[in-house]
């Protein structure tokens, strides 16, 4: 009888050991996954900050004007080149 109890306790001990090893392995895999997710989140935050900076830089009036002048050969509007339409559908040049 004593031998039978020892065998049952040994089997229970082995089952608990296997479950413990599996649980630790699963916890290790989950920890690695969390670390990867946190690294990816940090990278996305850096990318988001860079995109916000790019957006603010690209939207500045001076940059838009310099690109229009350089790339599209646009020039600022002067009063001599401005035409105003009156209510009686005649066009007049604005003169200063």
PDB file of N, CA and C in Angstrom:
ATOM      1  N   UNK A   1       0.819  -1.180   0.000  1.00  0.00           N
ATOM      2  CA  UNK A   1       0.000   0.000   0.000  1.00  0.00           C
ATOM      3  C   UNK A   1       0.870   1.254   0.000  1.00  0.00           C
ATOM      4  N   UNK A   2       1.926   1.214   0.787  1.00  0.00           N
ATOM      5  CA  UNK A   2       2.829   2.347   0.868  1.00  0.00           C
ATOM      6  C   UNK A   2       3.498   2.593  -0.482  1.00  0.00           C
ATOM      7  N   UNK A   3       3.823   1.549  -1.204  1.00  0.00           N
ATOM      8  CA  UNK A   3       4.435   1.659  -2.514  1.00  0.00           C
ATOM      9  C   UNK A   3       3.467   2.267  -3.528  1.00  0.00           C
ATOM     10  N   UNK A   4       2.199   1.874  -3.394  1.00  0.00           N
ATOM     11  CA  UNK A   4       1.189   2.398  -4.304  1.00  0.00           C
ATOM     12  C   UNK A   4       1.011   3.910  -4.107  1.00  0.00           C
ATOM     13  N   UNK A   5       1.015   4.382  -2.882  1.00  0.00           N
ATOM     14  CA  UNK A   5       0.891   5.806  -2.578  1.00  0.00           C
ATOM     15  C   UNK A   5       2.101   6.551  -3.136  1.00  0.00           C
ATOM     16  N   UNK A   6       3.279   5.938  -2.998  1.00  0.00           N
ATOM     17  CA  UNK A   6       4.488   6.564  -3.531  1.00  0.00           C
ATOM     18  C   UNK A   6       4.420   6.702  -5.055  1.00  0.00           C
ATOM     19  N   UNK A   7       3.905   5.695  -5.732  1.00  0.00           N
ATOM     20  CA  UNK A   7       3.779   5.739  -7.184  1.00  0.00           C
ATOM     21  C   UNK A   7       2.781   6.822  -7.579  1.00  0.00           C
ATOM     22  N   UNK A   8       1.669   6.914  -6.890  1.00  0.00           N
ATOM     23  CA  UNK A   8       0.664   7.932  -7.197  1.00  0.00           C
ATOM     24  C   UNK A   8       1.248   9.330  -6.975  1.00  0.00           C
ATOM     25  N   UNK A   9       1.970   9.506  -5.861  1.00  0.00           N
ATOM     26  CA  UNK A   9       2.595  10.795  -5.587  1.00  0.00           C
ATOM     27  C   UNK A   9       3.662  11.128  -6.626  1.00  0.00           C
ATOM     28  N   UNK A  10       4.403  10.128  -7.087  1.00  0.00           N
ATOM     29  CA  UNK A  10       5.426  10.342  -8.103  1.00  0.00           C
ATOM     30  C   UNK A  10       4.779  10.772  -9.431  1.00  0.00           C
ATOM     31  N   UNK A  11       3.704  10.114  -9.809  1.00  0.00           N
ATOM     32  CA  UNK A  11       2.997  10.473 -11.042  1.00  0.00           C
ATOM     33  C   UNK A  11       2.437  11.892 -10.920  1.00  0.00           C
ATOM     34  N   UNK A  12       1.861  12.217  -9.768  1.00  0.00           N
ATOM     35  CA  UNK A  12       1.316  13.562  -9.555  1.00  0.00           C
ATOM     36  C   UNK A  12       2.434  14.600  -9.621  1.00  0.00           C
ATOM     37  N   UNK A  13       3.591  14.278  -9.043  1.00  0.00           N
ATOM     38  CA  UNK A  13       4.727  15.180  -9.081  1.00  0.00           C
ATOM     39  C   UNK A  13       5.215  15.395 -10.509  1.00  0.00           C
ATOM     40  N   UNK A  14       5.281  14.328 -11.303  1.00  0.00           N
ATOM     41  CA  UNK A  14       5.710  14.444 -12.699  1.00  0.00           C
ATOM     42  C   UNK A  14       4.710  15.267 -13.522  1.00  0.00           C
ATOM     43  N   UNK A  15       3.431  15.053 -13.297  1.00  0.00           N
ATOM     44  CA  UNK A  15       2.402  15.818 -14.006  1.00  0.00           C
ATOM     45  C   UNK A  15       2.517  17.300 -13.650  1.00  0.00           C
ATOM     46  N   UNK A  16       2.699  17.595 -12.366  1.00  0.00           N
ATOM     47  CA  UNK A  16       2.859  19.001 -11.944  1.00  0.00           C
ATOM     48  C   UNK A  16       4.112  19.610 -12.548  1.00  0.00           C
ATOM     49  N   UNK A  17       5.194  18.846 -12.622  1.00  0.00           N
ATOM     50  CA  UNK A  17       6.442  19.352 -13.203  1.00  0.00           C
ATOM     51  C   UNK A  17       6.260  19.677 -14.685  1.00  0.00           C
ATOM     52  N   UNK A  18       5.588  18.792 -15.416  1.00  0.00           N
ATOM     53  CA  UNK A  18       5.348  19.024 -16.845  1.00  0.00           C
ATOM     54  C   UNK A  18       4.462  20.252 -17.038  1.00  0.00           C
ATOM     55  N   UNK A  19       3.432  20.379 -16.233  1.00  0.00           N
ATOM     56  CA  UNK A  19       2.545  21.545 -16.322  1.00  0.00           C
ATOM     57  C   UNK A  19       3.315  22.816 -15.999  1.00  0.00           C
ATOM     58  N   UNK A  20       4.190  22.782 -14.996  1.00  0.00           N
ATOM     59  CA  UNK A  20       4.996  23.937 -14.635  1.00  0.00           C
ATOM     60  C   UNK A  20       5.915  24.354 -15.784  1.00  0.00           C
ATOM     61  N   UNK A  21       6.562  23.391 -16.419  1.00  0.00           N
ATOM     62  CA  UNK A  21       7.450  23.691 -17.542  1.00  0.00           C
ATOM     63  C   UNK A  21       6.663  24.291 -18.700  1.00  0.00           C
ATOM     64  N   UNK A  22       5.500  23.739 -19.006  1.00  0.00           N
ATOM     65  CA  UNK A  22       4.675  24.273 -20.083  1.00  0.00           C
ATOM     66  C   UNK A  22       4.208  25.689 -19.768  1.00  0.00           C
ATOM     67  N   UNK A  23       3.831  25.935 -18.530  1.00  0.00           N
ATOM     68  CA  UNK A  23       3.368  27.258 -18.124  1.00  0.00           C
ATOM     69  C   UNK A  23       4.497  28.279 -18.214  1.00  0.00           C
ATOM     70  N   UNK A  24       5.680  27.903 -17.758  1.00  0.00           N
ATOM     71  CA  UNK A  24       6.824  28.817 -17.851  1.00  0.00           C
ATOM     72  C   UNK A  24       7.171  29.105 -19.315  1.00  0.00           C
ATOM     73  N   UNK A  25       7.111  28.096 -20.155  1.00  0.00           N
ATOM     74  CA  UNK A  25       7.396  28.283 -21.577  1.00  0.00           C
ATOM     75  C   UNK A  25       6.375  29.223 -22.210  1.00  0.00           C
ATOM     76  N   UNK A  26       5.120  29.041 -21.883  1.00  0.00           N
ATOM     77  CA  UNK A  26       4.063  29.915 -22.407  1.00  0.00           C
ATOM     78  C   UNK A  26       4.257  31.353 -21.905  1.00  0.00           C
ATOM     79  N   UNK A  27       4.599  31.504 -20.632  1.00  0.00           N
ATOM     80  CA  UNK A  27       4.835  32.831 -20.074  1.00  0.00           C
ATOM     81  C   UNK A  27       6.026  33.493 -20.774  1.00  0.00           C
ATOM     82  N   UNK A  28       7.062  32.739 -21.067  1.00  0.00           N
ATOM     83  CA  UNK A  28       8.230  33.285 -21.767  1.00  0.00           C
ATOM     84  C   UNK A  28       7.837  33.770 -23.158  1.00  0.00           C
ATOM     85  N   UNK A  29       7.053  32.982 -23.869  1.00  0.00           N
ATOM     86  CA  UNK A  29       6.602  33.379 -25.207  1.00  0.00           C
ATOM     87  C   UNK A  29       5.726  34.631 -25.150  1.00  0.00           C
ATOM     88  N   UNK A  30       4.851  34.698 -24.159  1.00  0.00           N
ATOM     89  CA  UNK A  30       3.994  35.874 -24.008  1.00  0.00           C
ATOM     90  C   UNK A  30       4.823  37.116 -23.663  1.00  0.00           C
ATOM     91  N   UNK A  31       5.846  36.956 -22.827  1.00  0.00           N
ATOM     92  CA  UNK A  31       6.707  38.075 -22.481  1.00  0.00           C
ATOM     93  C   UNK A  31       7.444  38.587 -23.719  1.00  0.00           C
ATOM     94  N   UNK A  32       7.940  37.681 -24.536  1.00  0.00           N
ATOM     95  CA  UNK A  32       8.622  38.074 -25.771  1.00  0.00           C
ATOM     96  C   UNK A  32       7.658  38.817 -26.691  1.00  0.00           C
ATOM     97  N   UNK A  33       6.432  38.343 -26.786  1.00  0.00           N
ATOM     98  CA  UNK A  33       5.419  39.001 -27.624  1.00  0.00           C
ATOM     99  C   UNK A  33       5.098  40.406 -27.099  1.00  0.00           C
ATOM    100  N   UNK A  34       5.014  40.558 -25.790  1.00  0.00           N
ATOM    101  CA  UNK A  34       4.764  41.875 -25.192  1.00  0.00           C
ATOM    102  C   UNK A  34       5.923  42.815 -25.504  1.00  0.00           C
ATOM    103  N   UNK A  35       7.155  42.333 -25.370  1.00  0.00           N
ATOM    104  CA  UNK A  35       8.328  43.161 -25.670  1.00  0.00           C
ATOM    105  C   UNK A  35       8.324  43.602 -27.130  1.00  0.00           C
ATOM    106  N   UNK A  36       7.994  42.703 -28.041  1.00  0.00           N
ATOM    107  CA  UNK A  36       7.907  43.058 -29.462  1.00  0.00           C
ATOM    108  C   UNK A  36       6.836  44.111 -29.698  1.00  0.00           C
ATOM    109  N   UNK A  37       5.698  43.935 -29.067  1.00  0.00           N
ATOM    110  CA  UNK A  37       4.605  44.896 -29.230  1.00  0.00           C
ATOM    111  C   UNK A  37       4.988  46.262 -28.684  1.00  0.00           C
ATOM    112  N   UNK A  38       5.676  46.294 -27.556  1.00  0.00           N
ATOM    113  CA  UNK A  38       6.109  47.571 -26.991  1.00  0.00           C
ATOM    114  C   UNK A  38       7.147  48.241 -27.894  1.00  0.00           C
ATOM    115  N   UNK A  39       8.055  47.462 -28.462  1.00  0.00           N
ATOM    116  CA  UNK A  39       9.041  48.016 -29.391  1.00  0.00           C
ATOM    117  C   UNK A  39       8.357  48.581 -30.621  1.00  0.00           C
ATOM    118  N   UNK A  40       7.386  47.848 -31.146  1.00  0.00           N
ATOM    119  CA  UNK A  40       6.642  48.332 -32.311  1.00  0.00           C
ATOM    120  C   UNK A  40       5.868  49.600 -31.973  1.00  0.00           C
ATOM    121  N   UNK A  41       5.287  49.654 -30.770  1.00  0.00           N
ATOM    122  CA  UNK A  41       4.548  50.857 -30.348  1.00  0.00           C
ATOM    123  C   UNK A  41       5.482  52.056 -30.264  1.00  0.00           C
ATOM    124  N   UNK A  42       6.694  51.856 -29.735  1.00  0.00           N
ATOM    125  CA  UNK A  42       7.655  52.964 -29.673  1.00  0.00           C
ATOM    126  C   UNK A  42       8.049  53.421 -31.072  1.00  0.00           C
ATOM    127  N   UNK A  43       8.259  52.473 -31.982  1.00  0.00           N
ATOM    128  CA  UNK A  43       8.609  52.829 -33.357  1.00  0.00           C
ATOM    129  C   UNK A  43       7.466  53.594 -34.024  1.00  0.00           C
ATOM    130  N   UNK A  44       6.237  53.175 -33.788  1.00  0.00           N
ATOM    131  CA  UNK A  44       5.086  53.880 -34.359  1.00  0.00           C
ATOM    132  C   UNK A  44       4.947  55.283 -33.774  1.00  0.00           C
ATOM    133  N   UNK A  45       5.255  55.450 -32.493  1.00  0.00           N
ATOM    134  CA  UNK A  45       5.211  56.790 -31.892  1.00  0.00           C
ATOM    135  C   UNK A  45       6.250  57.705 -32.530  1.00  0.00           C
ATOM    136  N   UNK A  46       7.457  57.172 -32.768  1.00  0.00           N
ATOM    137  CA  UNK A  46       8.504  57.967 -33.414  1.00  0.00           C
ATOM    138  C   UNK A  46       8.074  58.329 -34.827  1.00  0.00           C
ATOM    139  N   UNK A  47       7.515  57.361 -35.549  1.00  0.00           N
ATOM    140  CA  UNK A  47       7.058  57.620 -36.919  1.00  0.00           C
ATOM    141  C   UNK A  47       5.929  58.653 -36.929  1.00  0.00           C
ATOM    142  N   UNK A  48       5.014  58.567 -35.972  1.00  0.00           N
ATOM    143  CA  UNK A  48       3.907  59.512 -35.883  1.00  0.00           C
ATOM    144  C   UNK A  48       4.435  60.921 -35.623  1.00  0.00           C
ATOM    145  N   UNK A  49       5.397  61.035 -34.720  1.00  0.00           N
ATOM    146  CA  UNK A  49       5.987  62.347 -34.439  1.00  0.00           C
ATOM    147  C   UNK A  49       6.666  62.908 -35.688  1.00  0.00           C
ATOM    148  N   UNK A  50       7.364  62.051 -36.434  1.00  0.00           N
ATOM    149  CA  UNK A  50       8.034  62.497 -37.658  1.00  0.00           C
ATOM    150  C   UNK A  50       7.013  62.949 -38.698  1.00  0.00           C
ATOM    151  N   UNK A  51       5.911  62.220 -38.820  1.00  0.00           N
ATOM    152  CA  UNK A  51       4.872  62.594 -39.772  1.00  0.00           C
ATOM    153  C   UNK A  51       4.221  63.924 -39.386  1.00  0.00           C
ATOM    154  N   UNK A  52       4.011  64.140 -38.090  1.00  0.00           N
ATOM    155  CA  UNK A  52       3.437  65.405 -37.654  1.00  0.00           C
ATOM    156  C   UNK A  52       4.387  66.562 -37.960  1.00  0.00           C
ATOM    157  N   UNK A  53       5.683  66.333 -37.746  1.00  0.00           N
ATOM    158  CA  UNK A  53       6.673  67.361 -38.053  1.00  0.00           C
ATOM    159  C   UNK A  53       6.709  67.643 -39.547  1.00  0.00           C
ATOM    160  N   UNK A  54       6.686  66.576 -40.353  1.00  0.00           N
ATOM    161  CA  UNK A  54       6.668  66.749 -41.805  1.00  0.00           C
ATOM    162  C   UNK A  54       5.437  67.523 -42.255  1.00  0.00           C
ATOM    163  N   UNK A  55       4.294  67.197 -41.680  1.00  0.00           N
ATOM    164  CA  UNK A  55       3.057  67.878 -42.055  1.00  0.00           C
ATOM    165  C   UNK A  55       3.122  69.360 -41.722  1.00  0.00           C
ATOM    166  N   UNK A  56       3.644  69.682 -40.557  1.00  0.00           N
ATOM    167  CA  UNK A  56       3.717  71.098 -40.190  1.00  0.00           C
ATOM    168  C   UNK A  56       4.715  71.834 -41.066  1.00  0.00           C
ATOM    169  N   UNK A  57       5.792  71.166 -41.464  1.00  0.00           N
ATOM    170  CA  UNK A  57       6.784  71.800 -42.332  1.00  0.00           C
ATOM    171  C   UNK A  57       6.244  71.988 -43.740  1.00  0.00           C
ATOM    172  N   UNK A  58       5.571  70.974 -44.257  1.00  0.00           N
ATOM    173  CA  UNK A  58       5.068  71.042 -45.630  1.00  0.00           C
ATOM    174  C   UNK A  58       3.932  72.049 -45.780  1.00  0.00           C
ATOM    175  N   UNK A  59       3.229  72.329 -44.717  1.00  0.00           N
ATOM    176  CA  UNK A  59       2.095  73.226 -44.810  1.00  0.00           C
ATOM    177  C   UNK A  59       2.424  74.689 -44.601  1.00  0.00           C
ATOM    178  N   UNK A  60       3.668  75.013 -44.338  1.00  0.00           N
ATOM    179  CA  UNK A  60       4.018  76.412 -44.091  1.00  0.00           C
ATOM    180  C   UNK A  60       3.937  77.227 -45.375  1.00  0.00           C
ATOM    181  N   UNK A  61       3.449  78.452 -45.225  1.00  0.00           N
ATOM    182  CA  UNK A  61       3.226  79.338 -46.360  1.00  0.00           C
ATOM    183  C   UNK A  61       4.522  79.586 -47.138  1.00  0.00           C
ATOM    184  N   UNK A  62       5.623  79.798 -46.424  1.00  0.00           N
ATOM    185  CA  UNK A  62       6.887  80.101 -47.097  1.00  0.00           C
ATOM    186  C   UNK A  62       7.334  78.934 -47.986  1.00  0.00           C
ATOM    187  N   UNK A  63       7.160  77.727 -47.504  1.00  0.00           N
ATOM    188  CA  UNK A  63       7.551  76.549 -48.292  1.00  0.00           C
ATOM    189  C   UNK A  63       6.670  76.406 -49.528  1.00  0.00           C
ATOM    190  N   UNK A  64       5.384  76.622 -49.352  1.00  0.00           N
ATOM    191  CA  UNK A  64       4.471  76.523 -50.488  1.00  0.00           C
ATOM    192  C   UNK A  64       4.821  77.571 -51.535  1.00  0.00           C
ATOM    193  N   UNK A  65       5.074  78.795 -51.071  1.00  0.00           N
ATOM    194  CA  UNK A  65       5.407  79.861 -52.010  1.00  0.00           C
ATOM    195  C   UNK A  65       6.728  79.582 -52.723  1.00  0.00           C
ATOM    196  N   UNK A  66       7.741  79.101 -52.007  1.00  0.00           N
ATOM    197  CA  UNK A  66       9.028  78.835 -52.664  1.00  0.00           C
ATOM    198  C   UNK A  66       8.905  77.688 -53.661  1.00  0.00           C
ATOM    199  N   UNK A  67       8.118  76.672 -53.343  1.00  0.00           N
ATOM    200  CA  UNK A  67       7.902  75.575 -54.295  1.00  0.00           C
ATOM    201  C   UNK A  67       7.145  76.050 -55.524  1.00  0.00           C
ATOM    202  N   UNK A  68       6.146  76.900 -55.325  1.00  0.00           N
ATOM    203  CA  UNK A  68       5.387  77.419 -56.461  1.00  0.00           C
ATOM    204  C   UNK A  68       6.277  78.259 -57.364  1.00  0.00           C
ATOM    205  N   UNK A  69       7.139  79.069 -56.757  1.00  0.00           N
ATOM    206  CA  UNK A  69       8.044  79.908 -57.549  1.00  0.00           C
ATOM    207  C   UNK A  69       9.076  79.063 -58.284  1.00  0.00           C
ATOM    208  N   UNK A  70       9.664  78.120 -57.576  1.00  0.00           N
ATOM    209  CA  UNK A  70      10.738  77.311 -58.149  1.00  0.00           C
ATOM    210  C   UNK A  70      10.216  76.279 -59.157  1.00  0.00           C
ATOM    211  N   UNK A  71       9.234  75.500 -58.771  1.00  0.00           N
ATOM    212  CA  UNK A  71       8.787  74.371 -59.596  1.00  0.00           C
ATOM    213  C   UNK A  71       7.786  74.756 -60.676  1.00  0.00           C
ATOM    214  N   UNK A  72       6.920  75.705 -60.371  1.00  0.00           N
ATOM    215  CA  UNK A  72       5.845  76.051 -61.298  1.00  0.00           C
ATOM    216  C   UNK A  72       6.054  77.401 -61.979  1.00  0.00           C
ATOM    217  N   UNK A  73       7.162  78.052 -61.681  1.00  0.00           N
ATOM    218  CA  UNK A  73       7.476  79.374 -62.242  1.00  0.00           C
ATOM    219  C   UNK A  73       6.357  80.383 -61.983  1.00  0.00           C
ATOM    220  N   UNK A  74       5.729  80.282 -60.836  1.00  0.00           N
ATOM    221  CA  UNK A  74       4.669  81.224 -60.479  1.00  0.00           C
ATOM    222  C   UNK A  74       5.291  82.474 -59.881  1.00  0.00           C
ATOM    223  N   UNK A  75       4.624  83.593 -60.058  1.00  0.00           N
ATOM    224  CA  UNK A  75       5.086  84.862 -59.501  1.00  0.00           C
ATOM    225  C   UNK A  75       3.966  85.453 -58.662  1.00  0.00           C
ATOM    226  N   UNK A  76       4.311  86.261 -57.671  1.00  0.00           N
ATOM    227  CA  UNK A  76       3.268  86.872 -56.847  1.00  0.00           C
ATOM    228  C   UNK A  76       2.385  87.799 -57.677  1.00  0.00           C
ATOM    229  N   UNK A  77       1.153  87.907 -57.274  1.00  0.00           N
ATOM    230  CA  UNK A  77       0.198  88.765 -57.962  1.00  0.00           C
ATOM    231  C   UNK A  77       0.486  90.215 -57.584  1.00  0.00           C
ATOM    232  N   UNK A  78       0.497  91.073 -58.614  1.00  0.00           N
ATOM    233  CA  UNK A  78       0.673  92.507 -58.374  1.00  0.00           C
ATOM    234  C   UNK A  78      -0.617  93.214 -58.781  1.00  0.00           C
ATOM    235  N   UNK A  79      -0.833  94.424 -58.272  1.00  0.00           N
ATOM    236  CA  UNK A  79      -2.052  95.154 -58.649  1.00  0.00           C
ATOM    237  C   UNK A  79      -2.122  95.427 -60.149  1.00  0.00           C
ATOM    238  N   UNK A  80      -0.967  95.563 -60.813  1.00  0.00           N
ATOM    239  CA  UNK A  80      -0.981  95.802 -62.257  1.00  0.00           C
ATOM    240  C   UNK A  80      -1.511  94.608 -63.038  1.00  0.00           C
ATOM    241  N   UNK A  81      -1.401  93.431 -62.496  1.00  0.00           N
ATOM    242  CA  UNK A  81      -1.833  92.228 -63.210  1.00  0.00           C
ATOM    243  C   UNK A  81      -3.206  91.743 -62.753  1.00  0.00           C
ATOM    244  N   UNK A  82      -3.832  92.448 -61.836  1.00  0.00           N
ATOM    245  CA  UNK A  82      -5.116  92.032 -61.284  1.00  0.00           C
ATOM    246  C   UNK A  82      -6.255  92.643 -62.082  1.00  0.00           C
ATOM    247  N   UNK A  83      -7.218  91.824 -62.423  1.00  0.00           N
ATOM    248  CA  UNK A  83      -8.408  92.306 -63.120  1.00  0.00           C
ATOM    249  C   UNK A  83      -9.605  92.110 -62.210  1.00  0.00           C
ATOM    250  N   UNK A  84     -10.414  93.146 -62.116  1.00  0.00           N
ATOM    251  CA  UNK A  84     -11.605  93.087 -61.299  1.00  0.00           C
ATOM    252  C   UNK A  84     -12.825  93.116 -62.206  1.00  0.00           C
ATOM    253  N   UNK A  85     -13.805  92.333 -61.889  1.00  0.00           N
ATOM    254  CA  UNK A  85     -15.032  92.280 -62.669  1.00  0.00           C
ATOM    255  C   UNK A  85     -16.086  93.095 -61.936  1.00  0.00           C
ATOM    256  N   UNK A  86     -16.684  94.023 -62.639  1.00  0.00           N
ATOM    257  CA  UNK A  86     -17.711  94.867 -62.023  1.00  0.00           C
ATOM    258  C   UNK A  86     -19.075  94.234 -62.234  1.00  0.00           C
ATOM    259  N   UNK A  87     -20.078  94.809 -61.626  1.00  0.00           N
ATOM    260  CA  UNK A  87     -21.421  94.252 -61.710  1.00  0.00           C
ATOM    261  C   UNK A  87     -22.012  94.340 -63.114  1.00  0.00           C
ATOM    262  N   UNK A  88     -21.559  95.285 -63.914  1.00  0.00           N
ATOM    263  CA  UNK A  88     -22.110  95.384 -65.263  1.00  0.00           C
ATOM    264  C   UNK A  88     -21.287  94.567 -66.263  1.00  0.00           C
ATOM    265  N   UNK A  89     -20.530  93.565 -65.763  1.00  0.00           N
ATOM    266  CA  UNK A  89     -19.773  92.600 -66.556  1.00  0.00           C
ATOM    267  C   UNK A  89     -18.669  93.216 -67.417  1.00  0.00           C
ATOM    268  N   UNK A  90     -18.158  94.382 -67.070  1.00  0.00           N
ATOM    269  CA  UNK A  90     -17.022  94.958 -67.766  1.00  0.00           C
ATOM    270  C   UNK A  90     -15.784  94.703 -66.896  1.00  0.00           C
ATOM    271  N   UNK A  91     -14.664  94.453 -67.559  1.00  0.00           N
ATOM    272  CA  UNK A  91     -13.433  94.246 -66.801  1.00  0.00           C
ATOM    273  C   UNK A  91     -12.599  95.507 -66.830  1.00  0.00           C
ATOM    274  N   UNK A  92     -12.089  95.862 -65.705  1.00  0.00           N
ATOM    275  CA  UNK A  92     -11.233  97.037 -65.563  1.00  0.00           C
ATOM    276  C   UNK A  92      -9.930  96.601 -64.942  1.00  0.00           C
ATOM    277  N   UNK A  93      -8.840  97.213 -65.375  1.00  0.00           N
ATOM    278  CA  UNK A  93      -7.556  96.956 -64.731  1.00  0.00           C
ATOM    279  C   UNK A  93      -7.465  97.863 -63.515  1.00  0.00           C
ATOM    280  N   UNK A  94      -7.040  97.300 -62.460  1.00  0.00           N
ATOM    281  CA  UNK A  94      -6.830  98.083 -61.243  1.00  0.00           C
ATOM    282  C   UNK A  94      -5.505  98.813 -61.381  1.00  0.00           C
ATOM    283  N   UNK A  95      -5.503 100.077 -61.163  1.00  0.00           N
ATOM    284  CA  UNK A  95      -4.278 100.859 -61.307  1.00  0.00           C
ATOM    285  C   UNK A  95      -3.989 101.554 -59.992  1.00  0.00           C
ATOM    286  N   UNK A  96      -2.710 101.641 -59.689  1.00  0.00           N
ATOM    287  CA  UNK A  96      -2.302 102.353 -58.485  1.00  0.00           C
ATOM    288  C   UNK A  96      -1.377 103.456 -58.841  1.00  0.00           C
TER     289      UNK A  96
END
